Amino acid sequence: MSDPRLQTKKRERKAFGETTRSDATGNVLVMRGRIYVRLCIAKGKRAAYHVPWASTEEEARPRAALLASIVRDLRSTGEPSHLDLLPKILEHAAVATDPKRLEELRATVDRLVAGKVRVPVAPIVGLTFKDVANDWASGELARRFPHHLREKRSASDDVNRLARYVLQTVGHVPIATFSLDDAERVMAALPDHLAPATRRQVGCLIARVLKLAVFPLRLRESSPIPSGWLPRVGSQAKQAILMPLEADRFVASPTAPIEVRLFVGFVAREGMRHDEAERLTWADIDLAAGLVRLDENKTDDPRSWCLRPDVARALRTWRKQSPALKDSSPVFVTAEGRPLRLRADKLRELLVGAGINRPELFAGSSASKPTGIHGLRALFVTEALARGESETWVSDRTGHRSSQMIATYKRRSRSWSE
């Protein structure tokens, strides 16, 4: 004879739409005039799926039973990859109105449960190149696969490049059927004026998304991108950089916002990558000791160093008047308290306003391109080498991993020394 308490628990689970291997049900509920099916898709995790074609609760109940059976079957396998796909499968099964489409989804689930297919179900469940690219850029893949991926620190740049150059052309293509021809269509559609380095970055984005589809997502067997496909860059023109006196003149100019002048002075005097400086928080700085710590950075190589005395003094003053005073707050913020994001074109505009108009900074030359944010870091390295600082001293601050990178600044530093 069964325990009445267990029967009560079972009824409670049914009432809340929880699913087990032996019985699985889905609740049909109405919220704000819309009909949903609610299910427990994982332990302690419920989700509601809109069924837009249903006009009554009774009409939605057969679909609720179908969704519950999909949950029950995929959870019974215990495969993490099946559970990762479950929300997407349920989303498509909830909205489908074509009986043939529902049969395809149900058959795909049956094949997954039987072990007859290893997740090449992207065309069926609707996973596109855009789905994978957005999950990667947003950090969702890093959260799902923490042992294989790390969260992107250049995500904003990649999101912009994907939106401008890639997704409009191939975002709709199913990831499992993405081909080399699709990649070539993206590259052919790039503007003619685009720099070789940017063209290569776009190609790298395509290749990276496809590699992620192979592993850890296992949505396809291999990448269609062959070795040697990425565009060559060749020798790149370096940015024209400010002279030390020009940088000092800008920092002292009242025509530019104080937060921009502080940011420019900080990067030019400390050599930090501009994106590292943008993410810097007050918790990363010991104002009493005049130290800065970078535990998370592009190369995953934690580093710390003593700030210049003038920089430490400026930051102490800024902390007193900054609109963001929490330890977790960014150091460099606008007057409204938003994180500062300085673009190269905005910097050049502010330089002109400060009376700095050396033509090379804005038009470049045969050997250089217009100055930008990276030019501030180049200014730091060049000036440090001209003063006789060692490569180790420089790399402690900049994070350069090789002497070869620092050596590119030595010729200009010798001229500055003279």
Protein backbone atom coordinates (compact mmCIF):
# COMPACT_ATOMS: atom_id res chain seq x y z
CA MET A 1 0.00 0.00 0.00
CA SER A 2 1.52 3.34 -1.02
CA ASP A 3 2.31 6.05 1.50
CA PRO A 4 -0.44 8.77 1.41
CA ARG A 5 2.23 11.43 1.99
CA LEU A 6 4.06 10.38 -1.15
CA GLN A 7 0.81 10.53 -3.11
CA THR A 8 0.20 14.05 -1.80
CA LYS A 9 3.71 15.14 -2.86
CA LYS A 10 3.10 13.62 -6.28
CA ARG A 11 -0.15 15.56 -6.69
CA GLU A 12 1.63 18.76 -5.64
CA ARG A 13 4.33 18.20 -8.25
CA LYS A 14 1.67 17.68 -10.89
CA ALA A 15 -0.14 20.84 -9.85
CA PHE A 16 3.01 22.90 -10.41
CA GLY A 17 3.88 21.28 -13.73
CA GLU A 18 7.01 19.52 -12.46
CA THR A 19 8.23 16.56 -14.50
CA THR A 20 9.74 13.26 -13.49
CA ARG A 21 10.78 10.27 -15.55
CA SER A 22 7.56 8.39 -14.73
CA ASP A 23 5.00 11.15 -15.13
CA ALA A 24 5.36 14.54 -16.80
CA THR A 25 2.67 17.16 -17.18
CA GLY A 26 2.62 20.76 -18.28
CA ASN A 27 0.42 23.46 -16.83
CA VAL A 28 -1.65 25.61 -19.16
CA LEU A 29 -2.08 29.11 -17.82
CA VAL A 30 -3.32 32.48 -19.02
CA MET A 31 -1.28 35.62 -18.33
CA ARG A 32 -2.46 39.01 -19.58
CA GLY A 33 -4.72 37.40 -22.13
CA ARG A 34 -1.99 35.16 -23.58
CA ILE A 35 -1.88 31.38 -23.21
CA TYR A 36 1.29 29.68 -21.99
CA VAL A 37 2.50 26.18 -21.17
CA ARG A 38 4.62 26.06 -18.03
CA LEU A 39 7.02 23.21 -17.34
CA CYS A 40 9.89 22.28 -15.07
CA ILE A 41 12.78 21.89 -17.52
CA ALA A 42 15.47 21.22 -14.89
CA LYS A 43 15.67 20.76 -11.17
CA GLY A 44 14.41 23.97 -9.61
CA LYS A 45 14.03 25.66 -13.00
CA ARG A 46 10.63 26.35 -14.56
CA ALA A 47 9.91 28.05 -17.85
CA ALA A 48 6.75 29.22 -19.63
CA TYR A 49 6.31 28.97 -23.40
CA HIS A 50 3.81 31.06 -25.31
CA VAL A 51 1.44 29.15 -27.63
CA PRO A 52 0.22 32.04 -29.83
CA TRP A 53 -2.01 29.90 -32.05
CA ALA A 54 -4.18 28.68 -29.11
CA SER A 55 -7.35 30.63 -28.36
CA THR A 56 -8.48 28.56 -25.34
CA GLU A 57 -6.86 26.60 -22.55
CA GLU A 58 -8.48 23.39 -23.80
CA GLU A 59 -6.93 23.92 -27.22
CA ALA A 60 -3.47 24.19 -25.66
CA ARG A 61 -3.63 21.08 -23.43
CA PRO A 62 -2.53 18.54 -26.10
CA ARG A 63 0.48 20.75 -26.85
CA ALA A 64 1.28 20.93 -23.13
CA ALA A 65 1.31 17.13 -23.02
CA LEU A 66 3.66 17.02 -26.02
CA LEU A 67 6.08 19.53 -24.46
CA ALA A 68 6.01 17.63 -21.18
CA SER A 69 6.85 14.38 -22.96
CA ILE A 70 9.83 16.07 -24.67
CA VAL A 71 11.07 17.32 -21.30
CA ARG A 72 10.63 13.90 -19.71
CA ASP A 73 12.42 12.05 -22.49
CA LEU A 74 15.41 14.38 -22.83
CA ARG A 75 15.86 14.67 -19.06
CA SER A 76 15.83 10.88 -18.77
CA THR A 77 19.03 10.61 -20.86
CA GLY A 78 21.04 12.69 -18.37
CA GLU A 79 23.05 14.14 -21.28
CA PRO A 80 24.13 17.77 -20.62
CA SER A 81 24.04 18.53 -24.34
CA HIS A 82 20.41 17.38 -24.51
CA LEU A 83 19.48 19.65 -21.62
CA ASP A 84 21.26 22.56 -23.31
CA LEU A 85 19.11 22.05 -26.41
CA LEU A 86 15.88 21.56 -24.46
CA PRO A 87 14.78 25.24 -24.18
CA LYS A 88 15.28 25.81 -27.91
CA ILE A 89 13.38 22.64 -28.86
CA LEU A 90 10.51 23.55 -26.54
CA GLU A 91 10.37 27.08 -27.93
CA HIS A 92 9.95 25.77 -31.49
CA ALA A 93 7.54 23.02 -30.47
CA ALA A 94 5.33 25.51 -28.64
CA VAL A 95 4.81 27.85 -31.61
CA ALA A 96 4.70 25.29 -34.44
CA THR A 97 1.40 25.10 -36.33
CA ASP A 98 2.43 22.67 -39.08
CA PRO A 99 1.79 19.02 -38.02
CA LYS A 100 4.75 17.93 -40.14
CA ARG A 101 7.03 20.28 -38.23
CA LEU A 102 5.84 18.80 -34.94
CA GLU A 103 6.51 15.30 -36.25
CA GLU A 104 10.06 16.31 -37.21
CA LEU A 105 10.70 17.72 -33.73
CA ARG A 106 9.27 14.66 -32.01
CA ALA A 107 11.31 12.35 -34.27
CA THR A 108 14.48 14.34 -33.53
CA VAL A 109 13.89 13.95 -29.80
CA ASP A 110 13.36 10.21 -30.24
CA ARG A 111 16.65 9.91 -32.15
CA LEU A 112 18.49 11.86 -29.45
CA VAL A 113 17.06 9.64 -26.72
CA ALA A 114 17.97 6.49 -28.67
CA GLY A 115 21.53 7.77 -29.18
CA LYS A 116 21.16 7.65 -32.96
CA VAL A 117 22.21 11.26 -33.47
CA ARG A 118 24.79 13.49 -31.72
CA VAL A 119 23.16 16.89 -31.70
CA PRO A 120 23.39 17.81 -35.41
CA VAL A 121 19.85 19.09 -34.94
CA ALA A 122 20.52 22.77 -35.62
CA PRO A 123 18.49 22.95 -38.85
CA ILE A 124 15.51 21.32 -37.15
CA VAL A 125 15.46 23.35 -33.95
CA GLY A 126 16.34 26.55 -35.80
CA LEU A 127 19.86 27.29 -34.49
CA THR A 128 21.41 29.76 -36.90
CA PHE A 129 24.82 31.37 -37.28
CA LYS A 130 23.36 34.41 -35.52
CA ASP A 131 22.20 32.31 -32.54
CA VAL A 132 25.67 30.92 -31.93
CA ALA A 133 27.44 34.23 -32.58
CA ASN A 134 25.19 36.13 -30.16
CA ASP A 135 25.50 33.47 -27.45
CA TRP A 136 29.29 33.69 -27.77
CA ALA A 137 29.51 37.48 -27.77
CA SER A 138 27.06 37.84 -24.86
CA GLY A 139 29.05 35.47 -22.65
CA GLU A 140 26.28 32.84 -22.56
CA LEU A 141 28.58 30.13 -23.98
CA ALA A 142 31.28 30.94 -21.42
CA ARG A 143 28.72 30.48 -18.64
CA ARG A 144 27.52 27.17 -20.09
CA PHE A 145 31.03 25.82 -20.76
CA PRO A 146 33.27 27.45 -18.12
CA HIS A 147 35.95 24.77 -18.43
CA HIS A 148 36.40 25.35 -22.16
CA LEU A 149 35.64 29.03 -22.74
CA ARG A 150 36.29 32.31 -21.02
CA GLU A 151 34.07 35.35 -21.23
CA LYS A 152 35.09 37.72 -24.02
CA ARG A 153 36.68 40.98 -22.97
CA SER A 154 36.49 42.50 -26.45
CA ALA A 155 32.79 41.64 -26.73
CA SER A 156 31.61 45.15 -27.64
CA ASP A 157 34.02 45.35 -30.61
CA ASP A 158 32.98 41.91 -31.83
CA VAL A 159 29.27 42.67 -31.45
CA ASN A 160 29.73 45.78 -33.61
CA ARG A 161 31.68 43.91 -36.30
CA LEU A 162 29.18 41.06 -36.36
CA ALA A 163 26.26 43.47 -36.70
CA ARG A 164 27.91 45.64 -39.36
CA TYR A 165 29.62 43.08 -41.55
CA VAL A 166 28.42 39.53 -40.89
CA LEU A 167 24.92 38.94 -39.55
CA GLN A 168 23.08 40.94 -42.21
CA THR A 169 24.51 38.61 -44.85
CA VAL A 170 24.55 35.18 -43.18
CA GLY A 171 22.87 35.56 -39.79
CA HIS A 172 19.87 33.50 -40.95
CA VAL A 173 21.94 30.56 -42.25
CA PRO A 174 21.55 27.36 -40.15
CA ILE A 175 24.81 26.76 -38.34
CA ALA A 176 24.88 23.08 -39.31
CA THR A 177 24.75 23.88 -43.04
CA PHE A 178 27.00 26.97 -43.04
CA SER A 179 29.50 26.55 -45.89
CA LEU A 180 32.65 28.13 -47.24
CA ASP A 181 30.50 29.83 -49.87
CA ASP A 182 28.57 31.57 -47.08
CA ALA A 183 31.83 32.82 -45.57
CA GLU A 184 32.97 34.04 -48.97
CA ARG A 185 29.71 35.97 -49.41
CA VAL A 186 30.47 37.88 -46.22
CA MET A 187 33.98 38.79 -47.33
CA ALA A 188 32.79 39.81 -50.80
CA ALA A 189 30.23 42.17 -49.25
CA LEU A 190 32.80 44.04 -47.14
CA PRO A 191 33.34 47.68 -48.15
CA ASP A 192 36.35 48.26 -50.40
CA HIS A 193 37.78 50.91 -48.07
CA LEU A 194 37.97 48.53 -45.12
CA ALA A 195 41.49 48.14 -43.70
CA PRO A 196 43.20 44.74 -44.20
CA ALA A 197 43.36 44.24 -40.44
CA THR A 198 39.59 44.75 -40.11
CA ARG A 199 38.93 42.33 -42.99
CA ARG A 200 41.01 39.73 -41.19
CA GLN A 201 39.16 40.39 -37.91
CA VAL A 202 35.85 39.75 -39.66
CA GLY A 203 37.22 36.51 -41.07
CA CYS A 204 38.44 35.49 -37.62
CA LEU A 205 34.96 36.06 -36.19
CA ILE A 206 33.40 33.74 -38.77
CA ALA A 207 36.04 31.06 -38.17
CA ARG A 208 35.67 31.30 -34.40
CA VAL A 209 31.88 30.93 -34.42
CA LEU A 210 32.17 27.84 -36.63
CA LYS A 211 34.81 26.30 -34.36
CA LEU A 212 32.48 26.82 -31.40
CA ALA A 213 29.73 25.05 -33.35
CA VAL A 214 32.08 22.05 -33.63
CA PHE A 215 33.10 22.16 -29.97
CA PRO A 216 31.85 22.58 -27.33
CA LEU A 217 28.40 22.92 -28.94
CA ARG A 218 28.81 19.82 -31.17
CA LEU A 219 26.39 21.16 -33.73
CA ARG A 220 28.50 20.02 -36.68
CA GLU A 221 31.36 17.60 -37.34
CA SER A 222 33.91 20.10 -38.69
CA SER A 223 34.43 23.70 -39.77
CA PRO A 224 34.22 24.52 -43.49
CA ILE A 225 36.97 27.16 -43.17
CA PRO A 226 40.21 25.77 -44.66
CA SER A 227 43.71 26.57 -43.47
CA GLY A 228 45.03 29.74 -45.13
CA TRP A 229 41.58 31.21 -45.81
CA LEU A 230 41.95 34.23 -43.51
CA PRO A 231 43.02 37.39 -45.37
CA ARG A 232 46.64 38.41 -44.98
CA VAL A 233 47.36 41.70 -43.28
CA GLY A 234 50.95 42.46 -44.25
CA SER A 235 52.80 45.35 -42.67
CA GLN A 236 50.50 47.80 -40.93
CA ALA A 237 50.91 51.52 -40.67
CA LYS A 238 51.22 52.58 -37.04
CA GLN A 239 49.13 55.32 -35.49
CA ALA A 240 50.59 58.79 -35.33
CA ILE A 241 51.08 59.59 -31.67
CA LEU A 242 51.02 62.72 -29.57
CA MET A 243 54.26 64.26 -28.44
CA PRO A 244 54.63 64.43 -24.63
CA LEU A 245 54.11 68.21 -24.61
CA GLU A 246 50.95 67.82 -26.71
CA ALA A 247 49.55 65.24 -24.31
CA ASP A 248 50.29 67.51 -21.35
CA ARG A 249 48.66 70.43 -23.16
CA PHE A 250 45.51 68.41 -23.76
CA VAL A 251 45.30 67.18 -20.16
CA ALA A 252 45.53 70.79 -18.96
CA SER A 253 43.01 72.16 -21.47
CA PRO A 254 39.63 73.26 -20.02
CA THR A 255 37.91 72.69 -23.38
CA ALA A 256 37.66 68.90 -22.90
CA PRO A 257 35.56 67.15 -20.22
CA ILE A 258 37.52 66.42 -17.06
CA GLU A 259 36.82 62.68 -17.22
CA VAL A 260 38.27 62.48 -20.75
CA ARG A 261 41.39 64.43 -19.79
CA LEU A 262 41.88 62.20 -16.76
CA PHE A 263 41.47 59.05 -18.89
CA VAL A 264 43.90 60.29 -21.55
CA GLY A 265 46.45 61.32 -18.94
CA PHE A 266 46.13 57.98 -17.14
CA VAL A 267 46.65 55.80 -20.23
CA ALA A 268 49.49 58.01 -21.54
CA ARG A 269 51.28 57.87 -18.17
CA GLU A 270 50.58 54.26 -17.15
CA GLY A 271 50.46 52.37 -20.47
CA MET A 272 47.36 50.32 -19.73
CA ARG A 273 45.28 49.04 -22.64
CA HIS A 274 42.35 51.37 -23.17
CA ASP A 275 39.77 48.61 -22.64
CA GLU A 276 41.52 47.62 -19.39
CA ALA A 277 41.35 51.23 -18.22
CA GLU A 278 37.65 51.39 -19.14
CA ARG A 279 36.95 48.32 -16.95
CA LEU A 280 39.15 49.51 -14.07
CA THR A 281 37.26 49.80 -10.77
CA TRP A 282 38.17 51.52 -7.52
CA ALA A 283 38.70 48.09 -6.00
CA ASP A 284 41.63 47.62 -8.41
CA ILE A 285 43.44 50.67 -7.02
CA ASP A 286 45.07 51.10 -3.62
CA LEU A 287 45.11 54.88 -3.36
CA ALA A 288 46.91 54.88 0.00
CA ALA A 289 49.83 52.84 -1.34
CA GLY A 290 49.63 54.18 -4.90
CA LEU A 291 49.24 50.71 -6.45
CA VAL A 292 47.10 49.35 -9.26
CA ARG A 293 46.23 45.66 -9.74
CA LEU A 294 44.97 44.02 -12.94
CA ASP A 295 43.87 40.49 -12.10
CA GLU A 296 41.71 40.14 -15.23
CA ASN A 297 43.15 41.26 -18.55
CA LYS A 298 43.54 40.31 -22.20
CA THR A 299 46.41 37.85 -21.64
CA ASP A 300 45.12 36.37 -18.35
CA ASP A 301 48.46 37.35 -16.77
CA PRO A 302 47.75 39.26 -13.53
CA ARG A 303 50.02 42.25 -13.01
CA SER A 304 50.42 45.13 -10.56
CA TRP A 305 52.71 48.13 -10.28
CA CYS A 306 53.24 51.45 -8.53
CA LEU A 307 51.43 54.39 -10.09
CA ARG A 308 53.31 57.55 -10.94
CA PRO A 309 52.98 60.00 -8.03
CA ASP A 310 51.16 62.57 -10.18
CA VAL A 311 48.70 59.91 -11.38
CA ALA A 312 48.04 58.72 -7.81
CA ARG A 313 47.39 62.32 -6.69
CA ALA A 314 45.00 62.91 -9.59
CA LEU A 315 43.07 59.72 -8.81
CA ARG A 316 42.76 60.62 -5.12
CA THR A 317 41.26 63.97 -6.09
CA TRP A 318 38.99 62.34 -8.67
CA ARG A 319 37.73 59.81 -6.11
CA LYS A 320 36.52 62.63 -3.87
CA GLN A 321 34.45 64.24 -6.64
CA SER A 322 33.57 61.21 -8.77
CA PRO A 323 29.85 60.43 -9.17
CA ALA A 324 30.61 56.71 -8.71
CA LEU A 325 32.06 56.05 -5.27
CA LYS A 326 31.52 52.32 -4.69
CA ASP A 327 34.54 50.02 -4.81
CA SER A 328 32.86 48.11 -7.63
CA SER A 329 32.24 51.31 -9.63
CA PRO A 330 34.34 52.11 -12.72
CA VAL A 331 37.09 54.66 -12.14
CA PHE A 332 36.43 56.53 -15.38
CA VAL A 333 32.81 57.67 -15.63
CA THR A 334 30.93 60.52 -17.26
CA ALA A 335 29.28 63.35 -15.34
CA GLU A 336 26.08 61.26 -15.37
CA GLY A 337 27.88 58.31 -13.74
CA ARG A 338 27.98 56.11 -16.87
CA PRO A 339 31.19 54.19 -17.77
CA LEU A 340 33.39 56.26 -20.07
CA ARG A 341 33.83 54.93 -23.61
CA LEU A 342 36.14 57.15 -25.66
CA ARG A 343 36.19 56.71 -29.45
CA ALA A 344 39.14 57.67 -31.65
CA ASP A 345 37.14 60.18 -33.70
CA LYS A 346 35.91 61.88 -30.53
CA LEU A 347 39.47 62.09 -29.20
CA ARG A 348 40.66 63.76 -32.41
CA GLU A 349 37.77 66.22 -32.23
CA LEU A 350 38.71 67.16 -28.66
CA LEU A 351 42.38 67.53 -29.62
CA VAL A 352 41.42 70.15 -32.21
CA GLY A 353 39.32 71.93 -29.59
CA ALA A 354 42.38 72.04 -27.32
CA GLY A 355 44.43 73.73 -30.07
CA ILE A 356 46.45 70.62 -31.01
CA ASN A 357 46.34 70.54 -34.79
CA ARG A 358 49.53 68.91 -36.07
CA PRO A 359 48.41 67.55 -39.50
CA GLU A 360 50.01 64.13 -39.04
CA LEU A 361 47.71 63.40 -36.10
CA PHE A 362 44.60 63.75 -38.21
CA ALA A 363 45.58 62.81 -41.77
CA GLY A 364 48.39 60.37 -41.09
CA SER A 365 51.29 60.08 -43.48
CA SER A 366 52.86 57.58 -45.85
CA ALA A 367 54.08 55.64 -42.82
CA SER A 368 51.31 56.25 -40.29
CA LYS A 369 47.56 56.55 -39.86
CA PRO A 370 45.60 59.11 -37.81
CA THR A 371 46.05 58.97 -34.07
CA GLY A 372 43.60 57.11 -31.88
CA ILE A 373 43.23 55.65 -28.39
CA HIS A 374 45.99 53.08 -28.94
CA GLY A 375 48.33 55.97 -29.74
CA LEU A 376 48.25 56.92 -26.04
CA ARG A 377 49.70 53.53 -25.12
CA ALA A 378 52.31 53.92 -27.85
CA LEU A 379 53.18 57.31 -26.37
CA PHE A 380 53.76 55.67 -22.98
CA VAL A 381 56.07 52.97 -24.34
CA THR A 382 58.05 55.35 -26.55
CA GLU A 383 58.55 57.89 -23.79
CA ALA A 384 59.51 55.20 -21.25
CA LEU A 385 62.15 53.71 -23.56
CA ALA A 386 63.46 57.21 -24.35
CA ARG A 387 63.93 57.77 -20.60
CA GLY A 388 65.97 54.58 -20.41
CA GLU A 389 63.40 52.34 -18.70
CA SER A 390 63.93 48.60 -19.22
CA GLU A 391 61.70 46.34 -21.28
CA THR A 392 60.72 44.53 -18.07
CA TRP A 393 59.61 47.81 -16.48
CA VAL A 394 57.52 48.58 -19.56
CA SER A 395 55.94 45.12 -19.87
CA ASP A 396 55.00 45.12 -16.16
CA ARG A 397 52.67 47.98 -17.01
CA THR A 398 51.61 47.28 -20.58
CA GLY A 399 51.30 43.50 -20.38
CA HIS A 400 53.31 42.93 -23.58
CA ARG A 401 54.27 39.26 -23.72
CA SER A 402 57.35 39.53 -25.94
CA SER A 403 60.37 41.78 -26.46
CA GLN A 404 59.52 41.81 -30.16
CA MET A 405 56.38 43.86 -29.51
CA ILE A 406 58.24 46.43 -27.43
CA ALA A 407 61.09 46.57 -29.93
CA THR A 408 58.77 48.11 -32.53
CA TYR A 409 58.88 51.35 -30.51
CA LYS A 410 62.66 51.55 -30.10
CA ARG A 411 63.53 53.45 -33.28
CA ARG A 412 61.12 56.27 -32.47
CA SER A 413 62.28 56.31 -28.84
CA ARG A 414 65.87 56.87 -29.95
CA SER A 415 64.75 59.92 -31.90
CA TRP A 416 62.93 61.22 -28.85
CA SER A 417 66.02 60.67 -26.69
CA GLU A 418 68.08 62.77 -29.08
